[in-house]
Protein backbone atom coordinates (compact mmCIF):
# COMPACT_ATOMS: atom_id res chain seq x y z
CA MET A 1 -7.24 -11.09 -21.44
CA ALA A 2 -8.69 -7.68 -20.69
CA SER A 3 -6.49 -4.82 -21.87
CA LEU A 4 -5.62 -1.97 -19.55
CA THR A 5 -7.63 1.16 -20.23
CA GLU A 6 -6.29 3.72 -22.68
CA TRP A 7 -5.71 7.07 -21.03
CA LYS A 8 -3.05 9.76 -20.74
CA VAL A 9 -1.79 12.16 -18.11
CA PRO A 10 -2.54 15.77 -19.15
CA PRO A 11 0.49 17.03 -21.16
CA ALA A 12 1.22 19.85 -18.69
CA SER A 13 1.76 17.26 -15.92
CA GLN A 14 3.90 14.85 -17.93
CA PRO A 15 7.66 14.75 -17.20
CA ARG A 16 9.95 16.15 -19.90
CA ALA A 17 13.22 14.38 -20.65
CA ALA A 18 15.16 17.67 -20.74
CA ASP A 19 14.30 18.34 -17.07
CA TYR A 20 16.24 15.33 -15.74
CA SER A 21 19.89 14.33 -15.72
CA PHE A 22 19.07 10.64 -16.22
CA ASP A 23 17.60 8.83 -19.24
CA LEU A 24 13.92 9.33 -18.44
CA ASP A 25 12.54 6.96 -21.05
CA ARG A 26 14.92 4.16 -20.07
CA VAL A 27 14.07 4.54 -16.37
CA LEU A 28 10.32 4.63 -17.06
CA SER A 29 10.58 1.44 -19.15
CA SER A 30 11.21 -0.42 -15.86
CA VAL A 31 7.62 0.36 -14.79
CA VAL A 32 5.17 -2.32 -15.96
CA GLY A 33 1.40 -2.67 -15.92
CA LEU A 34 -0.08 -5.21 -13.54
CA HIS A 35 -3.44 -6.96 -13.76
CA SER A 36 -4.59 -9.54 -11.24
CA ILE A 37 -7.55 -11.88 -10.84
CA VAL A 38 -8.70 -12.79 -7.32
CA PRO A 39 -11.17 -15.59 -6.42
CA SER A 40 -14.65 -14.36 -5.49
CA ASP A 41 -14.45 -16.18 -2.14
CA ALA A 42 -11.21 -14.44 -1.14
CA SER A 43 -11.49 -12.43 2.07
CA SER A 44 -10.31 -9.26 0.29
CA ALA A 45 -12.71 -9.65 -2.66
CA ASP A 46 -15.53 -7.63 -1.10
CA THR A 47 -13.37 -4.60 -0.32
CA LEU A 48 -10.76 -4.68 -3.10
CA GLY A 49 -12.62 -6.49 -5.89
CA THR A 50 -11.84 -9.62 -7.87
CA GLU A 51 -10.06 -7.82 -10.73
CA ARG A 52 -7.36 -5.28 -9.92
CA ALA A 53 -5.09 -3.22 -12.15
CA GLY A 54 -2.19 -0.91 -11.50
CA ASN A 55 1.57 -0.69 -11.86
CA GLY A 56 4.74 -2.36 -10.66
CA VAL A 57 8.48 -1.66 -10.89
CA LEU A 58 11.15 -4.12 -11.98
CA ILE A 59 13.77 -4.10 -9.17
CA ASP A 60 15.71 -7.28 -9.99
CA ASP A 61 15.78 -9.98 -12.64
CA GLY A 62 12.09 -10.87 -13.11
CA LEU A 63 11.18 -9.38 -9.71
CA VAL A 64 8.47 -6.70 -9.67
CA LEU A 65 7.70 -4.51 -6.66
CA THR A 66 4.15 -3.21 -6.33
CA ILE A 67 1.62 -2.19 -3.71
CA GLY A 68 0.29 -5.22 -1.92
CA TYR A 69 -3.45 -4.66 -2.30
CA LEU A 70 -3.15 -5.22 -6.06
CA ILE A 71 -1.98 -8.82 -5.58
CA THR A 72 -3.37 -9.91 -2.18
CA GLU A 73 -4.92 -13.39 -2.71
CA ALA A 74 -4.41 -13.16 -6.50
CA GLU A 75 -4.58 -16.50 -8.29
CA THR A 76 -3.59 -15.00 -11.65
CA VAL A 77 -1.23 -12.09 -12.33
CA TRP A 78 -0.32 -10.59 -15.69
CA LEU A 79 2.53 -8.13 -16.29
CA HIS A 80 2.10 -5.71 -19.20
CA ILE A 81 5.44 -4.67 -20.73
CA GLY A 82 5.79 -1.35 -22.56
CA ASP A 83 6.31 -3.00 -25.97
CA GLY A 84 2.89 -4.65 -25.79
CA ARG A 85 3.96 -8.04 -24.46
CA VAL A 86 2.07 -9.66 -21.60
CA VAL A 87 4.02 -11.94 -19.24
CA PRO A 88 2.40 -14.17 -16.58
CA GLY A 89 3.48 -13.58 -12.99
CA HIS A 90 3.16 -15.15 -9.56
CA ALA A 91 2.15 -13.22 -6.43
CA LEU A 92 5.33 -13.97 -4.51
CA GLY A 93 4.90 -12.03 -1.28
CA PHE A 94 2.94 -9.44 0.67
CA ASP A 95 3.81 -7.47 3.80
CA ALA A 96 0.84 -5.98 5.65
CA VAL A 97 3.09 -3.77 7.81
CA THR A 98 4.69 -1.82 4.95
CA GLY A 99 2.06 -2.51 2.29
CA PHE A 100 4.57 -3.78 -0.29
CA GLY A 101 3.85 -6.68 -2.62
CA LEU A 102 6.24 -8.72 -4.79
CA VAL A 103 5.52 -10.44 -8.10
CA GLN A 104 7.83 -12.95 -9.77
CA ALA A 105 7.60 -12.88 -13.57
CA LEU A 106 7.10 -16.36 -15.02
CA GLY A 107 8.50 -15.29 -18.38
CA HIS A 108 11.54 -13.32 -19.53
CA ILE A 109 11.46 -9.53 -19.05
CA ASP A 110 14.43 -8.02 -20.88
CA LEU A 111 14.40 -4.65 -19.14
CA ASP A 112 16.89 -2.99 -16.81
CA PRO A 113 15.80 -3.14 -13.18
CA LEU A 114 15.45 0.23 -11.46
CA PRO A 115 18.09 0.74 -8.74
CA LEU A 116 16.83 1.42 -5.21
CA GLY A 117 17.65 4.85 -3.83
CA SER A 118 17.28 6.34 -0.35
CA SER A 119 13.86 7.64 0.68
CA ALA A 120 15.45 9.07 3.85
CA ALA A 121 17.61 11.34 1.68
CA ALA A 122 14.57 12.71 -0.19
CA GLU A 123 13.50 16.14 1.00
CA ILE A 124 10.37 18.24 0.89
CA GLY A 125 10.46 20.29 -2.31
CA ASP A 126 12.43 17.67 -4.28
CA ARG A 127 11.32 17.20 -7.88
CA VAL A 128 10.27 13.61 -8.51
CA VAL A 129 8.55 11.53 -11.17
CA LEU A 130 5.65 9.19 -10.39
CA GLY A 131 6.19 6.63 -13.10
CA GLY A 132 3.30 4.62 -14.49
CA ALA A 133 3.32 1.81 -17.04
CA GLY A 134 3.42 3.26 -20.54
CA GLY A 135 6.19 5.83 -20.29
CA ARG A 136 5.97 9.61 -20.14
CA THR A 137 2.31 9.88 -21.16
CA ARG A 138 1.35 7.72 -18.15
CA SER A 139 3.70 9.45 -15.69
CA VAL A 140 3.51 12.64 -13.63
CA ALA A 141 6.18 15.28 -12.95
CA SER A 142 5.60 15.82 -9.27
CA GLN A 143 7.14 17.24 -6.10
CA ILE A 144 7.50 15.99 -2.53
CA THR A 145 5.16 18.15 -0.45
CA ALA A 146 5.36 16.35 2.92
CA LYS A 147 7.04 13.52 4.81
CA GLN A 148 4.89 12.65 7.79
CA GLU A 149 3.07 9.98 9.76
CA PHE A 150 0.16 8.25 8.05
CA ALA A 151 -2.52 6.12 9.70
CA GLY A 152 -4.87 4.05 7.54
CA TYR A 153 -8.29 2.87 8.67
CA TRP A 154 -7.36 -0.79 8.06
CA GLU A 155 -4.94 -1.10 11.04
CA TYR A 156 -2.00 0.39 9.13
CA LEU A 157 0.56 2.97 10.19
CA LEU A 158 3.66 4.46 8.59
CA ASP A 159 5.95 6.56 10.79
CA GLU A 160 6.93 8.65 7.78
CA ALA A 161 5.06 8.39 4.48
CA ILE A 162 5.93 10.51 1.44
CA PHE A 163 3.28 12.80 -0.06
CA THR A 164 3.51 14.19 -3.59
CA TYR A 165 1.69 16.80 -5.70
CA PRO A 166 0.33 16.88 -8.35
CA ALA A 167 -1.21 13.44 -7.93
CA HIS A 168 -0.98 10.50 -10.33
CA PRO A 169 -4.50 9.48 -11.45
CA ASN A 170 -3.63 5.74 -11.62
CA TRP A 171 -1.43 5.72 -8.52
CA GLY A 172 -1.43 2.08 -7.35
CA GLY A 173 2.06 0.61 -7.66
CA THR A 174 3.58 3.63 -9.41
CA GLY A 175 7.31 4.15 -8.99
CA LEU A 176 8.49 7.28 -7.17
CA ILE A 177 11.68 8.21 -9.00
CA SER A 178 14.26 10.62 -7.59
CA THR A 179 16.38 13.17 -9.48
CA ARG A 180 19.10 10.48 -9.56
CA GLY A 181 16.83 8.13 -11.50
CA GLU A 182 16.44 5.78 -8.53
CA LEU A 183 13.33 4.20 -7.01
CA ILE A 184 12.50 5.84 -3.65
CA GLY A 185 8.91 4.73 -3.12
CA ILE A 186 5.80 2.93 -4.38
CA GLY A 187 2.46 4.69 -4.88
CA SER A 188 -0.28 3.58 -2.48
CA LEU A 189 -3.17 6.05 -2.26
CA GLN A 190 -4.70 9.25 -3.55
CA LEU A 191 -5.88 11.63 -0.82
CA GLU A 192 -7.44 15.07 -0.69
CA ARG A 193 -5.99 17.93 1.30
CA GLU A 194 -7.05 21.52 1.60
CA ARG A 195 -4.66 24.29 0.64
CA ASP A 196 -5.56 27.97 0.38
CA GLY A 197 -9.22 27.06 0.76
CA LYS A 198 -9.16 24.65 -2.19
CA ALA A 199 -9.18 20.85 -2.21
CA GLU A 200 -6.26 19.29 -4.08
CA ARG A 201 -5.29 15.68 -4.62
CA VAL A 202 -2.00 14.25 -3.41
CA ASN A 203 -0.46 10.79 -3.56
CA MET A 204 0.68 8.87 -0.51
CA VAL A 205 3.80 6.87 -1.29
CA VAL A 206 5.38 4.06 0.77
CA PRO A 207 9.11 4.87 1.25
CA ILE A 208 11.55 2.42 -0.32
CA ASP A 209 13.75 2.29 2.80
CA LEU A 210 11.00 0.17 4.42
CA LEU A 211 11.58 -2.52 1.77
CA LYS A 212 15.26 -3.12 2.47
CA PRO A 213 14.87 -4.93 5.85
CA VAL A 214 12.05 -7.19 4.58
CA LEU A 215 12.99 -7.92 0.96
CA ASP A 216 14.95 -11.13 1.58
CA ASP A 217 12.16 -12.58 3.74
CA LEU A 218 9.50 -11.70 1.17
CA ARG A 219 11.50 -13.43 -1.55
CA LYS A 220 12.15 -16.55 0.52
CA PHE A 221 8.97 -16.96 2.55
CA GLY A 222 6.33 -14.71 0.92
CA ARG A 223 6.03 -12.78 4.19
CA VAL A 224 8.24 -11.30 6.89
CA ASN A 225 9.68 -14.13 9.00
CA LYS A 226 8.79 -12.87 12.46
CA PRO A 227 5.67 -12.97 14.66
CA ALA A 228 2.79 -11.04 13.11
CA ARG A 229 1.20 -8.01 14.71
CA PRO A 230 -2.13 -8.55 16.47
CA TRP A 231 -5.07 -7.76 14.17
CA LEU A 232 -8.64 -7.01 15.21
CA GLY A 233 -10.45 -6.73 11.86
CA MET A 234 -11.69 -3.27 12.74
CA TYR A 235 -11.85 -0.27 10.41
CA SER A 236 -11.57 2.98 12.32
CA THR A 237 -11.05 6.70 11.92
CA GLU A 238 -10.18 9.60 14.18
CA ILE A 239 -12.92 12.19 14.80
CA ASP A 240 -12.48 15.00 17.34
CA ASN A 241 -9.74 13.14 19.27
CA LYS A 242 -11.82 9.98 19.38
CA VAL A 243 -11.24 6.64 17.66
CA VAL A 244 -14.51 5.69 15.99
CA VAL A 245 -15.28 2.31 14.40
CA VAL A 246 -16.48 2.80 10.81
CA GLY A 247 -16.59 -0.84 9.71
CA ILE A 248 -15.93 -4.43 10.76
CA SER A 249 -14.19 -7.19 8.80
CA ALA A 250 -16.65 -10.09 8.52
CA LYS A 251 -14.33 -12.82 9.84
CA GLY A 252 -12.19 -10.90 12.31
CA PRO A 253 -12.09 -10.76 16.12
CA ALA A 254 -14.10 -7.50 16.22
CA ALA A 255 -16.98 -9.21 14.37
CA ARG A 256 -16.90 -12.15 16.79
CA ALA A 257 -17.06 -9.69 19.70
CA GLU A 258 -20.09 -8.04 18.01
CA LEU A 259 -18.50 -4.60 17.84
CA LYS A 260 -20.31 -2.29 15.43
CA ALA A 261 -19.81 0.81 13.30
CA GLY A 262 -20.30 3.85 15.51
CA ASP A 263 -18.59 2.32 18.55
CA VAL A 264 -15.96 4.57 20.12
CA ILE A 265 -12.75 2.95 21.43
CA LEU A 266 -11.94 4.75 24.67
CA ALA A 267 -9.04 2.68 26.03
CA VAL A 268 -6.72 -0.24 25.26
CA ASN A 269 -5.73 -2.37 28.26
CA GLY A 270 -6.99 0.35 30.59
CA GLU A 271 -4.97 3.15 28.95
CA LYS A 272 -7.00 5.97 27.41
CA ILE A 273 -6.48 6.67 23.71
CA SER A 274 -7.36 9.80 21.80
CA SER A 275 -5.78 9.17 18.39
CA GLN A 276 -5.70 6.47 15.75
CA THR A 277 -1.90 6.30 15.91
CA GLY A 278 -2.06 5.96 19.70
CA PHE A 279 -4.62 3.16 19.31
CA TYR A 280 -2.45 1.21 16.88
CA ARG A 281 0.76 1.62 18.85
CA LYS A 282 -0.90 0.54 22.09
CA LEU A 283 -2.53 -2.45 20.36
CA TRP A 284 0.73 -3.61 18.80
CA SER A 285 2.67 -3.13 22.06
CA LEU A 286 0.59 -5.83 23.78
CA GLY A 287 2.42 -8.66 22.02
CA PRO A 288 2.22 -10.70 18.79
CA ALA A 289 -0.91 -11.96 17.03
CA GLY A 290 -2.97 -14.16 19.35
CA VAL A 291 -2.61 -11.87 22.35
CA ASP A 292 -5.78 -10.84 24.18
CA VAL A 293 -6.70 -7.18 23.65
CA PRO A 294 -8.83 -5.58 26.42
CA LEU A 295 -10.85 -2.64 25.05
CA THR A 296 -13.08 -0.09 26.70
CA VAL A 297 -15.85 0.81 24.28
CA TYR A 298 -18.61 3.43 24.24
CA HIS A 299 -21.82 2.56 22.38
CA GLU A 300 -25.02 4.63 22.39
CA GLY A 301 -24.67 5.94 25.93
CA VAL A 302 -23.21 2.75 27.41
CA THR A 303 -19.54 2.16 28.27
CA PHE A 304 -18.39 -1.44 28.51
CA ASP A 305 -15.22 -3.57 28.59
CA VAL A 306 -14.59 -6.37 26.12
CA VAL A 307 -11.61 -8.64 25.44
CA LEU A 308 -10.79 -9.52 21.82
CA THR A 309 -8.45 -12.38 20.96
CA SER A 310 -6.32 -10.94 18.17
CA ILE A 311 -5.24 -12.96 15.13
CA ASP A 312 -2.66 -12.90 12.35
CA ARG A 313 -4.54 -11.33 9.44
CA ALA A 314 -2.57 -13.46 6.97
CA LYS A 315 -4.38 -16.56 8.28
CA LEU A 316 -7.57 -15.30 6.59
CA LEU A 317 -5.90 -14.80 3.21
CA LYS A 318 -5.89 -17.37 0.44
CA ALA A 319 -2.36 -18.44 -0.43
CA PRO A 320 -1.59 -17.68 -4.09
CA GLN A 321 -1.17 -20.81 -6.20
CA LEU A 322 1.83 -21.20 -8.47
CA HIS A 323 0.53 -22.42 -11.81
């Protein structure tokens, strides 16, 4: 069993118990380390690796909330408790729309679950803690710097993500903790932004309010029990008001249609698009997974039309096995 790396947040960025009205150490004890092993033939192995490590937050008896990419297709999950114990877990559920993942502990975790707060009530300027496994030395005293739309290159869109500064260096699955000592988000990414001519790192956090409508389904079915969004297997970015393909998933519809990095998506179903968010919203408005998606594409001086038959991305994922 590989141990998680020894490291510490710089002391100046660590939260201090005196700065909060709640019991900081008790709240942070609900954050656990997470280590997963993924088969080498899993569809996410090439992009996310076969061994993944991060954090998770205990939200109910034996139920750990994390960011989904840490446990997607995991065949083995280990939960590292603050007192040094390691408890096996099962990858219970994953929601590609929000990005949340759930792990069920397969052993007893005698810690208090962290209550869920309201991410809608959180405001720009609020002091927060990004809690990592290992207590104060692995956590960051941070601040909400923005609440805004976020589009990810992997066909992912949040209407209102939370952004925090300073950033947590081991952000995946961290718990965003409010001044009330409640969980209001889960750490997803580290991004760079420019402020006053300098680059600074921020964390993008998935708001906890997105969990509440899907939690019961994830516990019961391992996924949200409604038709999946159409997925094309296309990685894209927005450059100068154009949606540019930067990569193709090997087994997705875009690969079958022989689309390539460098292609520019000009229109969806005959409607021009000029932004990544516009592209996603138009794509998803066509219907559920399986719907045909007509695209107008520009490639090296040539404009052409192509129809992709979308799929449910979950069909490509290996189902986790309960050992």
